[in-house]
Amino acid sequence: MEIFKKAGAYLSGVGEEAKRVTWPNKRELWESTLVVISFIFILAVATLVFDKVIEFGLKLLKV
């Protein structure tokens, strides 16, 4: 069937492209992971601070 030929050709292309990818080494992967975790932590703290500021403001307005 034609669909299986197309799927096979597509997957073959995906495999060829994956061979050309420059994969990160262990150190690069670790550094990137730390950056992501740090950024998530900073965003969580910022969200907490904004939430508390808004909560405080609403309490002052007695809403």
Protein backbone atom coordinates (compact mmCIF):
# COMPACT_ATOMS: atom_id res chain seq x y z
CA MET A 1 0.00 0.00 0.00
CA GLU A 2 1.12 3.51 -0.78
CA ILE A 3 0.74 4.82 2.76
CA PHE A 4 3.26 2.30 4.11
CA LYS A 5 5.81 3.29 1.47
CA LYS A 6 5.38 6.95 2.37
CA ALA A 7 5.64 6.20 6.08
CA GLY A 8 8.77 4.13 5.49
CA ALA A 9 10.36 6.89 3.43
CA TYR A 10 9.49 9.44 6.10
CA LEU A 11 10.94 7.33 8.90
CA SER A 12 14.06 6.70 6.84
CA GLY A 13 14.47 10.46 6.46
CA VAL A 14 13.99 10.94 10.18
CA GLY A 15 16.73 8.40 10.86
CA GLU A 16 19.12 10.12 8.47
CA GLU A 17 18.41 13.49 10.06
CA ALA A 18 18.96 12.07 13.56
CA LYS A 19 22.43 10.94 12.49
CA ARG A 20 23.32 14.54 11.58
CA VAL A 21 22.23 15.98 14.91
CA THR A 22 24.98 17.20 17.21
CA TRP A 23 24.00 15.70 20.53
CA PRO A 24 25.14 17.42 23.74
CA ASN A 25 27.80 15.78 25.84
CA LYS A 26 27.21 14.97 29.50
CA ARG A 27 28.54 18.30 30.77
CA GLU A 28 26.48 20.39 28.33
CA LEU A 29 23.38 18.41 29.22
CA TRP A 30 23.99 18.90 32.95
CA GLU A 31 24.56 22.65 32.52
CA SER A 32 21.40 23.04 30.45
CA THR A 33 19.43 21.08 33.03
CA LEU A 34 20.67 23.34 35.82
CA VAL A 35 19.72 26.43 33.82
CA VAL A 36 16.20 25.12 33.27
CA ILE A 37 15.73 24.11 36.92
CA SER A 38 17.08 27.48 38.10
CA PHE A 39 14.78 29.37 35.75
CA ILE A 40 11.76 27.37 36.92
CA PHE A 41 12.68 28.09 40.55
CA ILE A 42 13.04 31.82 39.84
CA LEU A 43 9.68 31.91 38.07
CA ALA A 44 8.05 30.05 40.96
CA VAL A 45 9.43 32.55 43.47
CA ALA A 46 8.38 35.49 41.29
CA THR A 47 4.88 34.03 40.98
CA LEU A 48 4.70 33.60 44.75
CA VAL A 49 5.82 37.19 45.33
CA PHE A 50 3.32 38.60 42.83
CA ASP A 51 0.56 36.50 44.35
CA LYS A 52 1.34 37.73 47.85
CA VAL A 53 1.51 41.36 46.69
CA ILE A 54 -1.88 41.06 45.00
CA GLU A 55 -3.30 39.28 48.04
CA PHE A 56 -2.01 42.04 50.30
CA GLY A 57 -3.44 44.72 48.02
CA LEU A 58 -6.83 43.06 47.96
CA LYS A 59 -6.83 42.76 51.75
CA LEU A 60 -6.12 46.48 52.00
CA LEU A 61 -9.09 47.14 49.73
CA LYS A 62 -11.15 44.60 51.71
CA VAL A 63 -12.35 42.90 48.56
